[in-house]
Amino acid sequence: MFSPLLQGLPPIPDSGDMDLTRILINMVLAIAWAVVAGISFAIVIPLGIRLFNALTPGLDEIEELKKGNMAVALVFATFIISLTAIVVAILIK
């Protein structure tokens, strides 16, 4: 019943074999995966930022960013990109 959801996106058919139902299923599944990814990022990124703040006691990253500290900005951005890579890897599996 839910096998198309578990298999991921099927390939788009050739131009000679246009199946409207399959294209619509691809569209719906792509939108569903975008929603799942958005929800995942909305949960993981704030939790990761809180974890990063807990791992760096005595340093207020947000205040340092407001001061224009580029070193803190680079470390913070790298941490967020790493979290993004982890979430993407989990969603692809």
PDB file of N, CA and C in Angstrom:
ATOM      1  N   MET A   1       0.819  -1.196   0.000  1.00  0.00           N
ATOM      2  CA  MET A   1       0.000   0.000   0.000  1.00  0.00           C
ATOM      3  C   MET A   1       0.860   1.256   0.000  1.00  0.00           C
ATOM      4  N   PHE A   2       1.895   1.320   0.846  1.00  0.00           N
ATOM      5  CA  PHE A   2       2.756   2.489   0.914  1.00  0.00           C
ATOM      6  C   PHE A   2       4.107   2.237   0.258  1.00  0.00           C
ATOM      7  N   SER A   3       4.194   1.241  -0.606  1.00  0.00           N
ATOM      8  CA  SER A   3       5.480   0.893  -1.209  1.00  0.00           C
ATOM      9  C   SER A   3       6.102   2.022  -2.021  1.00  0.00           C
ATOM     10  N   PRO A   4       5.354   2.885  -2.755  1.00  0.00           N
ATOM     11  CA  PRO A   4       6.021   3.989  -3.453  1.00  0.00           C
ATOM     12  C   PRO A   4       6.708   4.949  -2.484  1.00  0.00           C
ATOM     13  N   LEU A   5       6.151   5.111  -1.273  1.00  0.00           N
ATOM     14  CA  LEU A   5       6.774   5.999  -0.303  1.00  0.00           C
ATOM     15  C   LEU A   5       8.088   5.430   0.214  1.00  0.00           C
ATOM     16  N   LEU A   6       8.158   4.123   0.334  1.00  0.00           N
ATOM     17  CA  LEU A   6       9.355   3.503   0.872  1.00  0.00           C
ATOM     18  C   LEU A   6      10.458   3.358  -0.164  1.00  0.00           C
ATOM     19  N   GLN A   7      10.116   3.332  -1.426  1.00  0.00           N
ATOM     20  CA  GLN A   7      11.103   3.135  -2.473  1.00  0.00           C
ATOM     21  C   GLN A   7      11.773   4.425  -2.896  1.00  0.00           C
ATOM     22  N   GLY A   8      11.270   5.571  -2.508  1.00  0.00           N
ATOM     23  CA  GLY A   8      11.824   6.840  -2.950  1.00  0.00           C
ATOM     24  C   GLY A   8      11.213   7.248  -4.274  1.00  0.00           C
ATOM     25  N   LEU A   9      11.855   8.181  -4.939  1.00  0.00           N
ATOM     26  CA  LEU A   9      11.314   8.698  -6.185  1.00  0.00           C
ATOM     27  C   LEU A   9      11.642   7.775  -7.342  1.00  0.00           C
ATOM     28  N   PRO A  10      10.620   7.348  -8.106  1.00  0.00           N
ATOM     29  CA  PRO A  10      10.906   6.539  -9.292  1.00  0.00           C
ATOM     30  C   PRO A  10      11.473   7.435 -10.393  1.00  0.00           C
ATOM     31  N   PRO A  11      12.196   6.869 -11.347  1.00  0.00           N
ATOM     32  CA  PRO A  11      12.772   7.692 -12.405  1.00  0.00           C
ATOM     33  C   PRO A  11      11.696   8.285 -13.304  1.00  0.00           C
ATOM     34  N   ILE A  12      11.989   9.450 -13.866  1.00  0.00           N
ATOM     35  CA  ILE A  12      11.058  10.085 -14.797  1.00  0.00           C
ATOM     36  C   ILE A  12      11.090   9.301 -16.098  1.00  0.00           C
ATOM     37  N   PRO A  13       9.924   8.978 -16.651  1.00  0.00           N
ATOM     38  CA  PRO A  13       9.889   8.153 -17.866  1.00  0.00           C
ATOM     39  C   PRO A  13      10.451   8.896 -19.079  1.00  0.00           C
ATOM     40  N   ASP A  14      10.781   8.119 -20.124  1.00  0.00           N
ATOM     41  CA  ASP A  14      11.270   8.689 -21.378  1.00  0.00           C
ATOM     42  C   ASP A  14      10.204   9.573 -21.996  1.00  0.00           C
ATOM     43  N   SER A  15      10.630  10.406 -22.964  1.00  0.00           N
ATOM     44  CA  SER A  15       9.676  11.302 -23.623  1.00  0.00           C
ATOM     45  C   SER A  15       8.672  10.506 -24.466  1.00  0.00           C
ATOM     46  N   GLY A  16       9.057   9.328 -24.931  1.00  0.00           N
ATOM     47  CA  GLY A  16       8.155   8.512 -25.726  1.00  0.00           C
ATOM     48  C   GLY A  16       7.097   7.816 -24.887  1.00  0.00           C
ATOM     49  N   ASP A  17       7.337   7.665 -23.594  1.00  0.00           N
ATOM     50  CA  ASP A  17       6.419   6.941 -22.712  1.00  0.00           C
ATOM     51  C   ASP A  17       5.980   7.873 -21.582  1.00  0.00           C
ATOM     52  N   MET A  18       5.166   8.877 -21.901  1.00  0.00           N
ATOM     53  CA  MET A  18       4.714   9.848 -20.908  1.00  0.00           C
ATOM     54  C   MET A  18       3.509   9.292 -20.152  1.00  0.00           C
ATOM     55  N   ASP A  19       3.705   9.023 -18.900  1.00  0.00           N
ATOM     56  CA  ASP A  19       2.636   8.525 -18.042  1.00  0.00           C
ATOM     57  C   ASP A  19       2.314   9.609 -17.017  1.00  0.00           C
ATOM     58  N   LEU A  20       1.165  10.249 -17.159  1.00  0.00           N
ATOM     59  CA  LEU A  20       0.800  11.378 -16.314  1.00  0.00           C
ATOM     60  C   LEU A  20       0.678  10.967 -14.846  1.00  0.00           C
ATOM     61  N   THR A  21       0.181   9.784 -14.591  1.00  0.00           N
ATOM     62  CA  THR A  21       0.046   9.336 -13.201  1.00  0.00           C
ATOM     63  C   THR A  21       1.398   9.221 -12.521  1.00  0.00           C
ATOM     64  N   ARG A  22       2.348   8.675 -13.217  1.00  0.00           N
ATOM     65  CA  ARG A  22       3.690   8.516 -12.636  1.00  0.00           C
ATOM     66  C   ARG A  22       4.351   9.861 -12.391  1.00  0.00           C
ATOM     67  N   ILE A  23       4.143  10.803 -13.298  1.00  0.00           N
ATOM     68  CA  ILE A  23       4.699  12.142 -13.113  1.00  0.00           C
ATOM     69  C   ILE A  23       4.058  12.821 -11.909  1.00  0.00           C
ATOM     70  N   LEU A  24       2.749  12.680 -11.752  1.00  0.00           N
ATOM     71  CA  LEU A  24       2.059  13.271 -10.604  1.00  0.00           C
ATOM     72  C   LEU A  24       2.519  12.629  -9.295  1.00  0.00           C
ATOM     73  N   ILE A  25       2.739  11.319  -9.312  1.00  0.00           N
ATOM     74  CA  ILE A  25       3.258  10.637  -8.116  1.00  0.00           C
ATOM     75  C   ILE A  25       4.641  11.178  -7.780  1.00  0.00           C
ATOM     76  N   ASN A  26       5.493  11.387  -8.802  1.00  0.00           N
ATOM     77  CA  ASN A  26       6.817  11.965  -8.575  1.00  0.00           C
ATOM     78  C   ASN A  26       6.713  13.342  -7.941  1.00  0.00           C
ATOM     79  N   MET A  27       5.783  14.146  -8.430  1.00  0.00           N
ATOM     80  CA  MET A  27       5.604  15.496  -7.887  1.00  0.00           C
ATOM     81  C   MET A  27       5.162  15.459  -6.425  1.00  0.00           C
ATOM     82  N   VAL A  28       4.196  14.609  -6.137  1.00  0.00           N
ATOM     83  CA  VAL A  28       3.687  14.511  -4.764  1.00  0.00           C
ATOM     84  C   VAL A  28       4.768  13.997  -3.823  1.00  0.00           C
ATOM     85  N   LEU A  29       5.514  12.990  -4.250  1.00  0.00           N
ATOM     86  CA  LEU A  29       6.576  12.453  -3.394  1.00  0.00           C
ATOM     87  C   LEU A  29       7.702  13.468  -3.198  1.00  0.00           C
ATOM     88  N   ALA A  30       8.023  14.244  -4.221  1.00  0.00           N
ATOM     89  CA  ALA A  30       9.056  15.270  -4.078  1.00  0.00           C
ATOM     90  C   ALA A  30       8.618  16.335  -3.079  1.00  0.00           C
ATOM     91  N   ILE A  31       7.355  16.726  -3.134  1.00  0.00           N
ATOM     92  CA  ILE A  31       6.840  17.708  -2.173  1.00  0.00           C
ATOM     93  C   ILE A  31       6.831  17.116  -0.765  1.00  0.00           C
ATOM     94  N   ALA A  32       6.451  15.848  -0.642  1.00  0.00           N
ATOM     95  CA  ALA A  32       6.440  15.202   0.672  1.00  0.00           C
ATOM     96  C   ALA A  32       7.845  15.138   1.264  1.00  0.00           C
ATOM     97  N   TRP A  33       8.836  14.783   0.445  1.00  0.00           N
ATOM     98  CA  TRP A  33      10.211  14.730   0.950  1.00  0.00           C
ATOM     99  C   TRP A  33      10.729  16.115   1.309  1.00  0.00           C
ATOM    100  N   ALA A  34      10.306  17.149   0.584  1.00  0.00           N
ATOM    101  CA  ALA A  34      10.707  18.516   0.919  1.00  0.00           C
ATOM    102  C   ALA A  34      10.127  18.924   2.275  1.00  0.00           C
ATOM    103  N   VAL A  35       8.884  18.521   2.533  1.00  0.00           N
ATOM    104  CA  VAL A  35       8.266  18.823   3.827  1.00  0.00           C
ATOM    105  C   VAL A  35       8.980  18.075   4.950  1.00  0.00           C
ATOM    106  N   VAL A  36       9.283  16.797   4.722  1.00  0.00           N
ATOM    107  CA  VAL A  36      10.004  16.009   5.729  1.00  0.00           C
ATOM    108  C   VAL A  36      11.373  16.630   6.011  1.00  0.00           C
ATOM    109  N   ALA A  37      12.079  17.043   4.971  1.00  0.00           N
ATOM    110  CA  ALA A  37      13.394  17.662   5.153  1.00  0.00           C
ATOM    111  C   ALA A  37      13.269  18.981   5.901  1.00  0.00           C
ATOM    112  N   GLY A  38      12.270  19.784   5.561  1.00  0.00           N
ATOM    113  CA  GLY A  38      12.081  21.060   6.251  1.00  0.00           C
ATOM    114  C   GLY A  38      11.797  20.882   7.729  1.00  0.00           C
ATOM    115  N   ILE A  39      10.949  19.924   8.050  1.00  0.00           N
ATOM    116  CA  ILE A  39      10.639  19.647   9.460  1.00  0.00           C
ATOM    117  C   ILE A  39      11.882  19.130  10.182  1.00  0.00           C
ATOM    118  N   SER A  40      12.634  18.261   9.523  1.00  0.00           N
ATOM    119  CA  SER A  40      13.853  17.728  10.135  1.00  0.00           C
ATOM    120  C   SER A  40      14.851  18.837  10.423  1.00  0.00           C
ATOM    121  N   PHE A  41      15.047  19.730   9.460  1.00  0.00           N
ATOM    122  CA  PHE A  41      15.982  20.835   9.676  1.00  0.00           C
ATOM    123  C   PHE A  41      15.486  21.778  10.764  1.00  0.00           C
ATOM    124  N   ALA A  42      14.180  22.014  10.813  1.00  0.00           N
ATOM    125  CA  ALA A  42      13.615  22.902  11.827  1.00  0.00           C
ATOM    126  C   ALA A  42      13.784  22.339  13.235  1.00  0.00           C
ATOM    127  N   ILE A  43      13.901  21.041  13.354  1.00  0.00           N
ATOM    128  CA  ILE A  43      14.105  20.416  14.668  1.00  0.00           C
ATOM    129  C   ILE A  43      15.591  20.309  14.992  1.00  0.00           C
ATOM    130  N   VAL A  44      16.398  19.855  14.039  1.00  0.00           N
ATOM    131  CA  VAL A  44      17.800  19.531  14.318  1.00  0.00           C
ATOM    132  C   VAL A  44      18.671  20.777  14.493  1.00  0.00           C
ATOM    133  N   ILE A  45      18.496  21.795  13.675  1.00  0.00           N
ATOM    134  CA  ILE A  45      19.376  22.961  13.732  1.00  0.00           C
ATOM    135  C   ILE A  45      19.271  23.689  15.080  1.00  0.00           C
ATOM    136  N   PRO A  46      18.075  24.019  15.603  1.00  0.00           N
ATOM    137  CA  PRO A  46      18.034  24.653  16.932  1.00  0.00           C
ATOM    138  C   PRO A  46      18.591  23.769  18.049  1.00  0.00           C
ATOM    139  N   LEU A  47      18.318  22.452  17.970  1.00  0.00           N
ATOM    140  CA  LEU A  47      18.892  21.550  18.980  1.00  0.00           C
ATOM    141  C   LEU A  47      20.413  21.525  18.889  1.00  0.00           C
ATOM    142  N   GLY A  48      20.934  21.533  17.676  1.00  0.00           N
ATOM    143  CA  GLY A  48      22.385  21.559  17.492  1.00  0.00           C
ATOM    144  C   GLY A  48      23.002  22.838  18.009  1.00  0.00           C
ATOM    145  N   ILE A  49      22.333  23.960  17.807  1.00  0.00           N
ATOM    146  CA  ILE A  49      22.853  25.237  18.312  1.00  0.00           C
ATOM    147  C   ILE A  49      22.870  25.231  19.838  1.00  0.00           C
ATOM    148  N   ARG A  50      21.830  24.693  20.451  1.00  0.00           N
ATOM    149  CA  ARG A  50      21.820  24.583  21.924  1.00  0.00           C
ATOM    150  C   ARG A  50      22.942  23.663  22.409  1.00  0.00           C
ATOM    151  N   LEU A  51      23.156  22.560  21.697  1.00  0.00           N
ATOM    152  CA  LEU A  51      24.240  21.651  22.056  1.00  0.00           C
ATOM    153  C   LEU A  51      25.589  22.343  21.919  1.00  0.00           C
ATOM    154  N   PHE A  52      25.768  23.100  20.847  1.00  0.00           N
ATOM    155  CA  PHE A  52      27.023  23.833  20.640  1.00  0.00           C
ATOM    156  C   PHE A  52      27.249  24.846  21.754  1.00  0.00           C
ATOM    157  N   ASN A  53      26.185  25.547  22.181  1.00  0.00           N
ATOM    158  CA  ASN A  53      26.302  26.487  23.300  1.00  0.00           C
ATOM    159  C   ASN A  53      26.670  25.768  24.590  1.00  0.00           C
ATOM    160  N   ALA A  54      26.127  24.570  24.790  1.00  0.00           N
ATOM    161  CA  ALA A  54      26.442  23.805  26.003  1.00  0.00           C
ATOM    162  C   ALA A  54      27.884  23.291  25.978  1.00  0.00           C
ATOM    163  N   LEU A  55      28.403  22.997  24.786  1.00  0.00           N
ATOM    164  CA  LEU A  55      29.774  22.482  24.680  1.00  0.00           C
ATOM    165  C   LEU A  55      30.830  23.576  24.768  1.00  0.00           C
ATOM    166  N   THR A  56      30.421  24.829  24.648  1.00  0.00           N
ATOM    167  CA  THR A  56      31.372  25.944  24.737  1.00  0.00           C
ATOM    168  C   THR A  56      30.970  26.873  25.872  1.00  0.00           C
ATOM    169  N   PRO A  57      31.187  26.449  27.133  1.00  0.00           N
ATOM    170  CA  PRO A  57      30.810  27.316  28.253  1.00  0.00           C
ATOM    171  C   PRO A  57      31.729  28.543  28.310  1.00  0.00           C
ATOM    172  N   GLY A  58      31.173  29.650  28.733  1.00  0.00           N
ATOM    173  CA  GLY A  58      31.949  30.875  28.849  1.00  0.00           C
ATOM    174  C   GLY A  58      32.044  31.658  27.553  1.00  0.00           C
ATOM    175  N   LEU A  59      31.435  31.174  26.491  1.00  0.00           N
ATOM    176  CA  LEU A  59      31.471  31.871  25.212  1.00  0.00           C
ATOM    177  C   LEU A  59      30.040  32.030  24.712  1.00  0.00           C
ATOM    178  N   ASP A  60      29.615  33.281  24.543  1.00  0.00           N
ATOM    179  CA  ASP A  60      28.286  33.549  24.005  1.00  0.00           C
ATOM    180  C   ASP A  60      28.442  33.803  22.513  1.00  0.00           C
ATOM    181  N   GLU A  61      28.143  32.763  21.728  1.00  0.00           N
ATOM    182  CA  GLU A  61      28.366  32.837  20.291  1.00  0.00           C
ATOM    183  C   GLU A  61      27.546  33.936  19.631  1.00  0.00           C
ATOM    184  N   ILE A  62      26.305  34.081  20.039  1.00  0.00           N
ATOM    185  CA  ILE A  62      25.429  35.077  19.429  1.00  0.00           C
ATOM    186  C   ILE A  62      25.971  36.481  19.679  1.00  0.00           C
ATOM    187  N   GLU A  63      26.443  36.737  20.887  1.00  0.00           N
ATOM    188  CA  GLU A  63      27.018  38.050  21.203  1.00  0.00           C
ATOM    189  C   GLU A  63      28.298  38.292  20.399  1.00  0.00           C
ATOM    190  N   GLU A  64      29.106  37.251  20.250  1.00  0.00           N
ATOM    191  CA  GLU A  64      30.329  37.382  19.448  1.00  0.00           C
ATOM    192  C   GLU A  64      30.006  37.627  17.977  1.00  0.00           C
ATOM    193  N   LEU A  65      28.938  37.003  17.479  1.00  0.00           N
ATOM    194  CA  LEU A  65      28.520  37.246  16.100  1.00  0.00           C
ATOM    195  C   LEU A  65      28.055  38.685  15.919  1.00  0.00           C
ATOM    196  N   LYS A  66      27.351  39.214  16.922  1.00  0.00           N
ATOM    197  CA  LYS A  66      26.910  40.613  16.847  1.00  0.00           C
ATOM    198  C   LYS A  66      28.091  41.574  16.839  1.00  0.00           C
ATOM    199  N   LYS A  67      29.185  41.188  17.517  1.00  0.00           N
ATOM    200  CA  LYS A  67      30.391  42.023  17.535  1.00  0.00           C
ATOM    201  C   LYS A  67      31.166  41.925  16.222  1.00  0.00           C
ATOM    202  N   GLY A  68      30.853  40.932  15.409  1.00  0.00           N
ATOM    203  CA  GLY A  68      31.534  40.777  14.128  1.00  0.00           C
ATOM    204  C   GLY A  68      32.742  39.860  14.184  1.00  0.00           C
ATOM    205  N   ASN A  69      32.783  38.954  15.145  1.00  0.00           N
ATOM    206  CA  ASN A  69      33.904  38.023  15.286  1.00  0.00           C
ATOM    207  C   ASN A  69      33.823  36.966  14.181  1.00  0.00           C
ATOM    208  N   MET A  70      34.725  37.080  13.207  1.00  0.00           N
ATOM    209  CA  MET A  70      34.691  36.178  12.044  1.00  0.00           C
ATOM    210  C   MET A  70      35.096  34.749  12.399  1.00  0.00           C
ATOM    211  N   ALA A  71      35.971  34.583  13.377  1.00  0.00           N
ATOM    212  CA  ALA A  71      36.398  33.233  13.760  1.00  0.00           C
ATOM    213  C   ALA A  71      35.222  32.440  14.320  1.00  0.00           C
ATOM    214  N   VAL A  72      34.461  33.078  15.188  1.00  0.00           N
ATOM    215  CA  VAL A  72      33.282  32.416  15.751  1.00  0.00           C
ATOM    216  C   VAL A  72      32.257  32.160  14.645  1.00  0.00           C
ATOM    217  N   ALA A  73      32.113  33.090  13.721  1.00  0.00           N
ATOM    218  CA  ALA A  73      31.163  32.920  12.616  1.00  0.00           C
ATOM    219  C   ALA A  73      31.542  31.723  11.751  1.00  0.00           C
ATOM    220  N   LEU A  74      32.830  31.556  11.468  1.00  0.00           N
ATOM    221  CA  LEU A  74      33.273  30.425  10.649  1.00  0.00           C
ATOM    222  C   LEU A  74      33.056  29.092  11.360  1.00  0.00           C
ATOM    223  N   VAL A  75      33.369  29.041  12.645  1.00  0.00           N
ATOM    224  CA  VAL A  75      33.174  27.797  13.407  1.00  0.00           C
ATOM    225  C   VAL A  75      31.682  27.477  13.496  1.00  0.00           C
ATOM    226  N   PHE A  76      30.875  28.496  13.754  1.00  0.00           N
ATOM    227  CA  PHE A  76      29.430  28.313  13.871  1.00  0.00           C
ATOM    228  C   PHE A  76      28.840  27.846  12.542  1.00  0.00           C
ATOM    229  N   ALA A  77      29.251  28.477  11.449  1.00  0.00           N
ATOM    230  CA  ALA A  77      28.752  28.086  10.125  1.00  0.00           C
ATOM    231  C   ALA A  77      29.167  26.664   9.778  1.00  0.00           C
ATOM    232  N   THR A  78      30.392  26.297  10.100  1.00  0.00           N
ATOM    233  CA  THR A  78      30.870  24.936   9.842  1.00  0.00           C
ATOM    234  C   THR A  78      30.059  23.916  10.638  1.00  0.00           C
ATOM    235  N   PHE A  79      29.739  24.255  11.867  1.00  0.00           N
ATOM    236  CA  PHE A  79      28.931  23.365  12.700  1.00  0.00           C
ATOM    237  C   PHE A  79      27.538  23.183  12.097  1.00  0.00           C
ATOM    238  N   ILE A  80      26.920  24.256  11.648  1.00  0.00           N
ATOM    239  CA  ILE A  80      25.578  24.171  11.064  1.00  0.00           C
ATOM    240  C   ILE A  80      25.615  23.389   9.750  1.00  0.00           C
ATOM    241  N   ILE A  81      26.636  23.596   8.933  1.00  0.00           N
ATOM    242  CA  ILE A  81      26.764  22.838   7.683  1.00  0.00           C
ATOM    243  C   ILE A  81      26.976  21.356   7.975  1.00  0.00           C
ATOM    244  N   SER A  82      27.727  21.041   9.021  1.00  0.00           N
ATOM    245  CA  SER A  82      27.931  19.640   9.413  1.00  0.00           C
ATOM    246  C   SER A  82      26.615  18.998   9.845  1.00  0.00           C
ATOM    247  N   LEU A  83      25.820  19.732  10.613  1.00  0.00           N
ATOM    248  CA  LEU A  83      24.506  19.208  11.007  1.00  0.00           C
ATOM    249  C   LEU A  83      23.625  18.979   9.781  1.00  0.00           C
ATOM    250  N   THR A  84      23.689  19.897   8.843  1.00  0.00           N
ATOM    251  CA  THR A  84      22.909  19.752   7.612  1.00  0.00           C
ATOM    252  C   THR A  84      23.336  18.503   6.849  1.00  0.00           C
ATOM    253  N   ALA A  85      24.634  18.266   6.760  1.00  0.00           N
ATOM    254  CA  ALA A  85      25.133  17.079   6.061  1.00  0.00           C
ATOM    255  C   ALA A  85      24.659  15.794   6.746  1.00  0.00           C
ATOM    256  N   ILE A  86      24.611  15.800   8.064  1.00  0.00           N
ATOM    257  CA  ILE A  86      24.152  14.622   8.806  1.00  0.00           C
ATOM    258  C   ILE A  86      22.672  14.368   8.528  1.00  0.00           C
ATOM    259  N   VAL A  87      21.864  15.430   8.559  1.00  0.00           N
ATOM    260  CA  VAL A  87      20.422  15.267   8.312  1.00  0.00           C
ATOM    261  C   VAL A  87      20.189  14.778   6.880  1.00  0.00           C
ATOM    262  N   VAL A  88      20.905  15.334   5.920  1.00  0.00           N
ATOM    263  CA  VAL A  88      20.756  14.897   4.524  1.00  0.00           C
ATOM    264  C   VAL A  88      21.150  13.437   4.373  1.00  0.00           C
ATOM    265  N   ALA A  89      22.241  13.031   5.021  1.00  0.00           N
ATOM    266  CA  ALA A  89      22.667  11.633   4.932  1.00  0.00           C
ATOM    267  C   ALA A  89      21.619  10.698   5.520  1.00  0.00           C
ATOM    268  N   ILE A  90      21.000  11.118   6.613  1.00  0.00           N
ATOM    269  CA  ILE A  90      19.953  10.286   7.233  1.00  0.00           C
ATOM    270  C   ILE A  90      18.716  10.223   6.329  1.00  0.00           C
ATOM    271  N   LEU A  91      18.347  11.333   5.711  1.00  0.00           N
ATOM    272  CA  LEU A  91      17.159  11.333   4.856  1.00  0.00           C
ATOM    273  C   LEU A  91      17.383  10.538   3.573  1.00  0.00           C
ATOM    274  N   ILE A  92      18.608  10.532   3.073  1.00  0.00           N
ATOM    275  CA  ILE A  92      18.892   9.780   1.852  1.00  0.00           C
ATOM    276  C   ILE A  92      18.856   8.275   2.118  1.00  0.00           C
ATOM    277  N   LYS A  93      19.313   7.848   3.276  1.00  0.00           N
ATOM    278  CA  LYS A  93      19.293   6.417   3.607  1.00  0.00           C
ATOM    279  C   LYS A  93      17.869   6.009   3.713  1.00  0.00           C
TER     280      LYS A  93
END
